[in-house]
N, C-alpha and C. Protein backbone atom coordinates (compact mmCIF):
# COMPACT_ATOMS: atom_id res chain seq x y z
N MET A 1 0.84 -1.19 0.00
CA MET A 1 0.00 0.00 0.00
C MET A 1 0.88 1.25 0.00
N ARG A 2 0.47 2.25 -0.71
CA ARG A 2 1.27 3.46 -0.82
C ARG A 2 0.90 4.48 0.26
N TYR A 3 -0.38 4.72 0.48
CA TYR A 3 -0.81 5.74 1.44
C TYR A 3 -1.74 5.14 2.49
N ARG A 4 -1.73 5.76 3.66
CA ARG A 4 -2.67 5.40 4.72
C ARG A 4 -3.42 6.67 5.12
N VAL A 5 -4.74 6.61 5.01
CA VAL A 5 -5.61 7.69 5.46
C VAL A 5 -5.96 7.39 6.91
N GLU A 6 -5.66 8.33 7.79
CA GLU A 6 -5.96 8.16 9.22
C GLU A 6 -6.90 9.28 9.65
N TYR A 7 -8.08 8.91 10.11
CA TYR A 7 -9.03 9.90 10.62
C TYR A 7 -8.70 10.16 12.08
N LEU A 8 -8.78 11.42 12.48
CA LEU A 8 -8.32 11.85 13.79
C LEU A 8 -9.47 12.38 14.64
N THR A 9 -9.50 12.00 15.91
CA THR A 9 -10.51 12.55 16.81
C THR A 9 -10.15 13.98 17.22
N GLU A 10 -8.88 14.32 17.15
CA GLU A 10 -8.41 15.69 17.36
C GLU A 10 -7.49 16.00 16.20
N ALA A 11 -7.86 16.97 15.38
CA ALA A 11 -7.15 17.23 14.13
C ALA A 11 -5.71 17.69 14.32
N ASP A 12 -5.34 18.14 15.52
CA ASP A 12 -3.98 18.61 15.73
C ASP A 12 -3.13 17.61 16.52
N GLU A 13 -3.62 16.40 16.71
CA GLU A 13 -2.89 15.39 17.48
C GLU A 13 -2.62 14.16 16.61
N GLU A 14 -1.35 13.91 16.32
CA GLU A 14 -0.95 12.79 15.47
C GLU A 14 -1.40 11.44 16.03
N ASP A 15 -1.43 11.30 17.35
CA ASP A 15 -1.75 10.01 17.97
C ASP A 15 -3.24 9.85 18.29
N ALA A 16 -4.09 10.68 17.72
CA ALA A 16 -5.53 10.63 17.98
C ALA A 16 -6.28 9.90 16.87
N VAL A 17 -5.66 8.87 16.30
CA VAL A 17 -6.25 8.13 15.18
C VAL A 17 -7.41 7.29 15.68
N CYS A 18 -8.57 7.45 15.06
CA CYS A 18 -9.73 6.64 15.44
C CYS A 18 -10.00 5.52 14.44
N VAL A 19 -9.59 5.69 13.19
CA VAL A 19 -9.74 4.64 12.18
C VAL A 19 -8.78 4.96 11.04
N SER A 20 -8.25 3.92 10.40
CA SER A 20 -7.34 4.15 9.27
C SER A 20 -7.69 3.21 8.12
N ILE A 21 -7.37 3.65 6.91
CA ILE A 21 -7.65 2.89 5.70
C ILE A 21 -6.44 3.00 4.79
N ASP A 22 -5.90 1.86 4.35
CA ASP A 22 -4.78 1.86 3.41
C ASP A 22 -5.31 1.99 1.99
N ALA A 23 -4.56 2.72 1.15
CA ALA A 23 -5.00 2.96 -0.23
C ALA A 23 -3.82 2.83 -1.18
N GLU A 24 -3.98 2.03 -2.21
CA GLU A 24 -2.96 1.89 -3.25
C GLU A 24 -3.39 2.79 -4.41
N CYS A 25 -2.92 4.03 -4.37
CA CYS A 25 -3.31 5.01 -5.37
C CYS A 25 -2.34 6.18 -5.31
N ASP A 26 -2.58 7.20 -6.13
CA ASP A 26 -1.75 8.39 -6.06
C ASP A 26 -2.29 9.31 -4.95
N LEU A 27 -1.52 10.33 -4.60
CA LEU A 27 -1.88 11.20 -3.49
C LEU A 27 -3.18 11.96 -3.75
N THR A 28 -3.39 12.43 -4.96
CA THR A 28 -4.62 13.16 -5.28
C THR A 28 -5.85 12.29 -5.04
N THR A 29 -5.78 11.04 -5.45
CA THR A 29 -6.89 10.12 -5.24
C THR A 29 -7.07 9.82 -3.75
N ALA A 30 -5.98 9.67 -3.02
CA ALA A 30 -6.07 9.43 -1.57
C ALA A 30 -6.73 10.61 -0.87
N GLU A 31 -6.41 11.84 -1.28
CA GLU A 31 -7.05 13.04 -0.71
C GLU A 31 -8.54 13.04 -1.00
N TRP A 32 -8.90 12.73 -2.26
CA TRP A 32 -10.31 12.69 -2.63
C TRP A 32 -11.04 11.64 -1.79
N PHE A 33 -10.44 10.46 -1.66
CA PHE A 33 -11.02 9.38 -0.89
C PHE A 33 -11.22 9.80 0.57
N ALA A 34 -10.22 10.45 1.14
CA ALA A 34 -10.30 10.88 2.55
C ALA A 34 -11.45 11.87 2.75
N ARG A 35 -11.61 12.80 1.82
CA ARG A 35 -12.71 13.77 1.94
C ARG A 35 -14.06 13.10 1.71
N ALA A 36 -14.11 12.17 0.74
CA ALA A 36 -15.37 11.49 0.43
C ALA A 36 -15.87 10.66 1.61
N ARG A 37 -14.97 10.05 2.34
CA ARG A 37 -15.34 9.24 3.51
C ARG A 37 -15.40 10.07 4.79
N GLY A 38 -15.08 11.35 4.70
CA GLY A 38 -15.01 12.20 5.88
C GLY A 38 -16.31 12.33 6.65
N ALA A 39 -17.42 12.49 5.94
CA ALA A 39 -18.72 12.65 6.62
C ALA A 39 -19.05 11.41 7.44
N ASP A 40 -18.75 10.24 6.88
CA ASP A 40 -19.00 8.99 7.60
C ASP A 40 -18.10 8.89 8.83
N ALA A 41 -16.83 9.26 8.67
CA ALA A 41 -15.89 9.21 9.81
C ALA A 41 -16.30 10.19 10.90
N ARG A 42 -16.81 11.35 10.51
CA ARG A 42 -17.28 12.32 11.51
C ARG A 42 -18.45 11.75 12.30
N LYS A 43 -19.38 11.14 11.58
CA LYS A 43 -20.59 10.62 12.23
C LYS A 43 -20.29 9.39 13.09
N ARG A 44 -19.56 8.43 12.54
CA ARG A 44 -19.34 7.15 13.23
C ARG A 44 -18.27 7.21 14.30
N TYR A 45 -17.22 8.02 14.08
CA TYR A 45 -16.06 8.00 14.98
C TYR A 45 -15.78 9.34 15.64
N LYS A 46 -16.60 10.33 15.35
CA LYS A 46 -16.40 11.69 15.88
C LYS A 46 -15.07 12.29 15.41
N ALA A 47 -14.66 11.93 14.20
CA ALA A 47 -13.41 12.45 13.65
C ALA A 47 -13.53 13.94 13.38
N GLU A 48 -12.43 14.66 13.61
CA GLU A 48 -12.38 16.10 13.36
C GLU A 48 -11.52 16.44 12.16
N GLY A 49 -10.84 15.44 11.61
CA GLY A 49 -9.97 15.68 10.46
C GLY A 49 -9.27 14.40 10.08
N PHE A 50 -8.28 14.53 9.19
CA PHE A 50 -7.53 13.35 8.77
C PHE A 50 -6.10 13.72 8.43
N GLN A 51 -5.25 12.71 8.41
CA GLN A 51 -3.89 12.86 7.91
C GLN A 51 -3.64 11.71 6.95
N ILE A 52 -2.75 11.94 6.00
CA ILE A 52 -2.38 10.90 5.06
C ILE A 52 -0.89 10.66 5.20
N ARG A 53 -0.52 9.40 5.38
CA ARG A 53 0.88 9.01 5.51
C ARG A 53 1.35 8.34 4.23
N ASP A 54 2.59 8.63 3.84
CA ASP A 54 3.22 7.99 2.70
C ASP A 54 3.97 6.77 3.22
N LEU A 55 3.44 5.60 2.97
CA LEU A 55 4.01 4.37 3.50
C LEU A 55 5.30 3.97 2.80
N GLU A 56 5.57 4.57 1.65
CA GLU A 56 6.84 4.31 0.96
C GLU A 56 7.93 5.28 1.41
N ASP A 57 7.59 6.17 2.35
CA ASP A 57 8.55 7.12 2.90
C ASP A 57 8.49 7.08 4.42
N ALA A 58 8.59 5.87 4.96
CA ALA A 58 8.65 5.64 6.42
C ALA A 58 7.43 6.18 7.16
N GLY A 59 6.27 6.24 6.49
CA GLY A 59 5.06 6.70 7.15
C GLY A 59 4.98 8.19 7.38
N ARG A 60 5.77 8.95 6.63
CA ARG A 60 5.79 10.41 6.78
C ARG A 60 4.41 11.00 6.48
N ILE A 61 3.96 11.94 7.29
CA ILE A 61 2.69 12.62 7.07
C ILE A 61 2.87 13.60 5.91
N VAL A 62 2.02 13.44 4.87
CA VAL A 62 2.11 14.31 3.70
C VAL A 62 0.92 15.24 3.58
N VAL A 63 -0.18 14.92 4.25
CA VAL A 63 -1.37 15.76 4.25
C VAL A 63 -1.96 15.74 5.65
N LEU A 64 -2.35 16.90 6.15
CA LEU A 64 -3.03 17.02 7.43
C LEU A 64 -4.16 18.01 7.24
N GLU A 65 -5.39 17.58 7.48
CA GLU A 65 -6.52 18.45 7.22
C GLU A 65 -7.57 18.30 8.30
N SER A 66 -8.02 19.43 8.80
CA SER A 66 -9.17 19.48 9.69
C SER A 66 -10.40 19.60 8.80
N PHE A 67 -11.52 19.07 9.22
CA PHE A 67 -12.73 19.23 8.42
C PHE A 67 -13.20 20.68 8.41
N ASP A 68 -12.68 21.50 9.31
CA ASP A 68 -13.05 22.91 9.38
C ASP A 68 -12.00 23.86 8.84
N GLU A 69 -10.82 23.35 8.46
CA GLU A 69 -9.71 24.18 8.00
C GLU A 69 -9.24 23.73 6.63
N PRO A 70 -8.55 24.60 5.89
CA PRO A 70 -8.03 24.21 4.58
C PRO A 70 -6.91 23.17 4.69
N LEU A 71 -6.62 22.57 3.56
CA LEU A 71 -5.60 21.54 3.44
C LEU A 71 -4.20 22.05 3.78
N SER A 72 -3.44 21.22 4.48
CA SER A 72 -2.02 21.48 4.73
C SER A 72 -1.23 20.35 4.10
N ARG A 73 -0.21 20.70 3.32
CA ARG A 73 0.65 19.69 2.70
C ARG A 73 2.05 19.81 3.28
N PHE A 74 2.71 18.67 3.41
CA PHE A 74 4.07 18.65 3.91
C PHE A 74 4.96 18.00 2.87
N HIS A 75 6.13 18.53 2.70
CA HIS A 75 7.06 18.04 1.69
C HIS A 75 8.34 17.54 2.38
N ALA A 76 9.12 16.77 1.66
CA ALA A 76 10.37 16.26 2.20
C ALA A 76 11.19 17.39 2.80
N GLY A 77 11.68 17.19 4.00
CA GLY A 77 12.47 18.20 4.68
C GLY A 77 11.66 19.10 5.59
N ASP A 78 10.33 19.09 5.47
CA ASP A 78 9.50 19.90 6.36
C ASP A 78 9.52 19.28 7.75
N GLU A 79 9.52 20.12 8.76
CA GLU A 79 9.45 19.64 10.14
C GLU A 79 8.03 19.83 10.63
N VAL A 80 7.39 18.73 11.02
CA VAL A 80 6.01 18.78 11.49
C VAL A 80 6.04 18.61 13.00
N ILE A 81 5.50 19.58 13.72
CA ILE A 81 5.49 19.55 15.18
C ILE A 81 4.05 19.43 15.64
N HIS A 82 3.80 18.43 16.49
CA HIS A 82 2.44 18.23 17.03
C HIS A 82 2.44 18.60 18.47
């Protein structure tokens, strides 16, 4: 699997994962998938946002998004502090 979509109970906490789904696709499709399933994750798991990890890059977070805030993207070399 290339990417893992992780829905978060607290959008600013990396370890607040309530459910995750692996996806073998490109990043754009993984983002679309995460948003498409977002309403269900909010209802069933009280998710407040999601992050996408690149499993081919040691699980590095490449997207972090709150359902109430715009998309944040992270690139190689970026330092992500939670």
